[in-house]
């Protein structure tokens, strides 16, 4: 796996984990893209 690919996987995993946490805490309709990317 190249460094670029590894970095992309880390970013994807981070976004998925953050999205899961926010949706459990705020509900799917209670969160927006700004919360996910903050």
PDB file of N, CA and C in Angstrom:
ATOM      1  N   UNK A   1       0.857  -1.181   0.000  1.00  0.00           N
ATOM      2  CA  UNK A   1       0.000   0.000   0.000  1.00  0.00           C
ATOM      3  C   UNK A   1       0.897   1.237   0.000  1.00  0.00           C
ATOM      4  N   UNK A   2       0.616   2.153  -0.906  1.00  0.00           N
ATOM      5  CA  UNK A   2       1.413   3.370  -0.985  1.00  0.00           C
ATOM      6  C   UNK A   2       1.019   4.324   0.136  1.00  0.00           C
ATOM      7  N   UNK A   3       1.866   5.310   0.369  1.00  0.00           N
ATOM      8  CA  UNK A   3       1.585   6.293   1.418  1.00  0.00           C
ATOM      9  C   UNK A   3       0.284   7.033   1.124  1.00  0.00           C
ATOM     10  N   UNK A   4       0.053   7.388  -0.134  1.00  0.00           N
ATOM     11  CA  UNK A   4      -1.162   8.102  -0.518  1.00  0.00           C
ATOM     12  C   UNK A   4      -2.401   7.251  -0.253  1.00  0.00           C
ATOM     13  N   UNK A   5      -2.343   5.979  -0.612  1.00  0.00           N
ATOM     14  CA  UNK A   5      -3.469   5.078  -0.391  1.00  0.00           C
ATOM     15  C   UNK A   5      -3.724   4.904   1.097  1.00  0.00           C
ATOM     16  N   UNK A   6      -2.649   4.755   1.871  1.00  0.00           N
ATOM     17  CA  UNK A   6      -2.777   4.599   3.318  1.00  0.00           C
ATOM     18  C   UNK A   6      -3.428   5.834   3.930  1.00  0.00           C
ATOM     19  N   UNK A   7      -3.042   7.005   3.481  1.00  0.00           N
ATOM     20  CA  UNK A   7      -3.608   8.259   3.979  1.00  0.00           C
ATOM     21  C   UNK A   7      -5.093   8.350   3.633  1.00  0.00           C
ATOM     22  N   UNK A   8      -5.469   7.929   2.434  1.00  0.00           N
ATOM     23  CA  UNK A   8      -6.873   7.945   2.013  1.00  0.00           C
ATOM     24  C   UNK A   8      -7.712   7.009   2.874  1.00  0.00           C
ATOM     25  N   UNK A   9      -7.162   5.845   3.214  1.00  0.00           N
ATOM     26  CA  UNK A   9      -7.868   4.884   4.059  1.00  0.00           C
ATOM     27  C   UNK A   9      -8.052   5.467   5.451  1.00  0.00           C
ATOM     28  N   UNK A  10      -7.009   6.103   6.003  1.00  0.00           N
ATOM     29  CA  UNK A  10      -7.109   6.733   7.320  1.00  0.00           C
ATOM     30  C   UNK A  10      -8.185   7.813   7.330  1.00  0.00           C
ATOM     31  N   UNK A  11      -8.227   8.629   6.294  1.00  0.00           N
ATOM     32  CA  UNK A  11      -9.224   9.698   6.197  1.00  0.00           C
ATOM     33  C   UNK A  11     -10.624   9.111   6.128  1.00  0.00           C
ATOM     34  N   UNK A  12     -10.793   8.085   5.320  1.00  0.00           N
ATOM     35  CA  UNK A  12     -12.099   7.434   5.181  1.00  0.00           C
ATOM     36  C   UNK A  12     -12.549   6.848   6.516  1.00  0.00           C
ATOM     37  N   UNK A  13     -11.664   6.138   7.180  1.00  0.00           N
ATOM     38  CA  UNK A  13     -12.000   5.532   8.466  1.00  0.00           C
ATOM     39  C   UNK A  13     -12.347   6.595   9.509  1.00  0.00           C
ATOM     40  N   UNK A  14     -11.616   7.697   9.501  1.00  0.00           N
ATOM     41  CA  UNK A  14     -11.887   8.783  10.442  1.00  0.00           C
ATOM     42  C   UNK A  14     -13.271   9.388  10.188  1.00  0.00           C
ATOM     43  N   UNK A  15     -13.600   9.632   8.932  1.00  0.00           N
ATOM     44  CA  UNK A  15     -14.914  10.193   8.593  1.00  0.00           C
ATOM     45  C   UNK A  15     -16.046   9.242   8.966  1.00  0.00           C
ATOM     46  N   UNK A  16     -15.844   7.956   8.725  1.00  0.00           N
ATOM     47  CA  UNK A  16     -16.876   6.982   9.082  1.00  0.00           C
ATOM     48  C   UNK A  16     -17.078   6.909  10.591  1.00  0.00           C
ATOM     49  N   UNK A  17     -15.991   6.891  11.344  1.00  0.00           N
ATOM     50  CA  UNK A  17     -16.086   6.826  12.802  1.00  0.00           C
ATOM     51  C   UNK A  17     -16.732   8.086  13.366  1.00  0.00           C
ATOM     52  N   UNK A  18     -16.343   9.240  12.844  1.00  0.00           N
ATOM     53  CA  UNK A  18     -16.917  10.501  13.308  1.00  0.00           C
ATOM     54  C   UNK A  18     -18.399  10.573  12.965  1.00  0.00           C
ATOM     55  N   UNK A  19     -18.757  10.173  11.770  1.00  0.00           N
ATOM     56  CA  UNK A  19     -20.161  10.168  11.354  1.00  0.00           C
ATOM     57  C   UNK A  19     -21.005   9.243  12.212  1.00  0.00           C
ATOM     58  N   UNK A  20     -20.462   8.097  12.546  1.00  0.00           N
ATOM     59  CA  UNK A  20     -21.192   7.158  13.402  1.00  0.00           C
ATOM     60  C   UNK A  20     -21.432   7.764  14.784  1.00  0.00           C
ATOM     61  N   UNK A  21     -20.393   8.343  15.363  1.00  0.00           N
ATOM     62  CA  UNK A  21     -20.512   8.957  16.688  1.00  0.00           C
ATOM     63  C   UNK A  21     -21.536  10.085  16.686  1.00  0.00           C
ATOM     64  N   UNK A  22     -21.451  10.958  15.695  1.00  0.00           N
ATOM     65  CA  UNK A  22     -22.383  12.086  15.620  1.00  0.00           C
ATOM     66  C   UNK A  22     -23.817  11.636  15.385  1.00  0.00           C
ATOM     67  N   UNK A  23     -24.008  10.666  14.515  1.00  0.00           N
ATOM     68  CA  UNK A  23     -25.377  10.232  14.230  1.00  0.00           C
ATOM     69  C   UNK A  23     -25.988   9.519  15.430  1.00  0.00           C
ATOM     70  N   UNK A  24     -25.176   8.832  16.226  1.00  0.00           N
ATOM     71  CA  UNK A  24     -25.694   8.209  17.441  1.00  0.00           C
ATOM     72  C   UNK A  24     -26.036   9.256  18.496  1.00  0.00           C
ATOM     73  N   UNK A  25     -25.246  10.304  18.560  1.00  0.00           N
ATOM     74  CA  UNK A  25     -25.455  11.347  19.568  1.00  0.00           C
ATOM     75  C   UNK A  25     -26.553  12.330  19.162  1.00  0.00           C
ATOM     76  N   UNK A  26     -26.548  12.762  17.899  1.00  0.00           N
ATOM     77  CA  UNK A  26     -27.458  13.815  17.448  1.00  0.00           C
ATOM     78  C   UNK A  26     -28.625  13.309  16.612  1.00  0.00           C
ATOM     79  N   UNK A  27     -28.533  12.094  16.138  1.00  0.00           N
ATOM     80  CA  UNK A  27     -29.515  11.579  15.193  1.00  0.00           C
ATOM     81  C   UNK A  27     -29.098  11.956  13.778  1.00  0.00           C
ATOM     82  N   UNK A  28     -29.542  11.163  12.819  1.00  0.00           N
ATOM     83  CA  UNK A  28     -29.125  11.387  11.437  1.00  0.00           C
ATOM     84  C   UNK A  28     -29.530  12.763  10.937  1.00  0.00           C
ATOM     85  N   UNK A  29     -30.736  13.193  11.273  1.00  0.00           N
ATOM     86  CA  UNK A  29     -31.209  14.495  10.797  1.00  0.00           C
ATOM     87  C   UNK A  29     -30.701  15.648  11.649  1.00  0.00           C
ATOM     88  N   UNK A  30     -30.078  15.354  12.788  1.00  0.00           N
ATOM     89  CA  UNK A  30     -29.583  16.399  13.669  1.00  0.00           C
ATOM     90  C   UNK A  30     -28.157  16.818  13.399  1.00  0.00           C
ATOM     91  N   UNK A  31     -27.506  16.149  12.471  1.00  0.00           N
ATOM     92  CA  UNK A  31     -26.122  16.489  12.161  1.00  0.00           C
ATOM     93  C   UNK A  31     -26.009  16.953  10.721  1.00  0.00           C
ATOM     94  N   UNK A  32     -25.004  17.735  10.462  1.00  0.00           N
ATOM     95  CA  UNK A  32     -24.767  18.220   9.111  1.00  0.00           C
ATOM     96  C   UNK A  32     -23.318  18.018   8.720  1.00  0.00           C
ATOM     97  N   UNK A  33     -23.018  18.379   7.522  1.00  0.00           N
ATOM     98  CA  UNK A  33     -21.663  18.233   7.009  1.00  0.00           C
ATOM     99  C   UNK A  33     -20.667  19.060   7.810  1.00  0.00           C
ATOM    100  N   UNK A  34     -21.086  20.223   8.270  1.00  0.00           N
ATOM    101  CA  UNK A  34     -20.172  21.071   9.046  1.00  0.00           C
ATOM    102  C   UNK A  34     -19.754  20.390  10.348  1.00  0.00           C
ATOM    103  N   UNK A  35     -20.664  19.663  11.000  1.00  0.00           N
ATOM    104  CA  UNK A  35     -20.304  18.927  12.211  1.00  0.00           C
ATOM    105  C   UNK A  35     -19.366  17.769  11.889  1.00  0.00           C
ATOM    106  N   UNK A  36     -19.624  17.101  10.797  1.00  0.00           N
ATOM    107  CA  UNK A  36     -18.802  15.958  10.407  1.00  0.00           C
ATOM    108  C   UNK A  36     -17.373  16.375  10.086  1.00  0.00           C
ATOM    109  N   UNK A  37     -17.216  17.515   9.446  1.00  0.00           N
ATOM    110  CA  UNK A  37     -15.886  17.947   9.016  1.00  0.00           C
ATOM    111  C   UNK A  37     -15.152  18.788  10.051  1.00  0.00           C
ATOM    112  N   UNK A  38     -15.817  19.155  11.129  1.00  0.00           N
ATOM    113  CA  UNK A  38     -15.171  19.980  12.164  1.00  0.00           C
ATOM    114  C   UNK A  38     -14.179  19.182  12.978  1.00  0.00           C
TER     115      UNK A  38
END
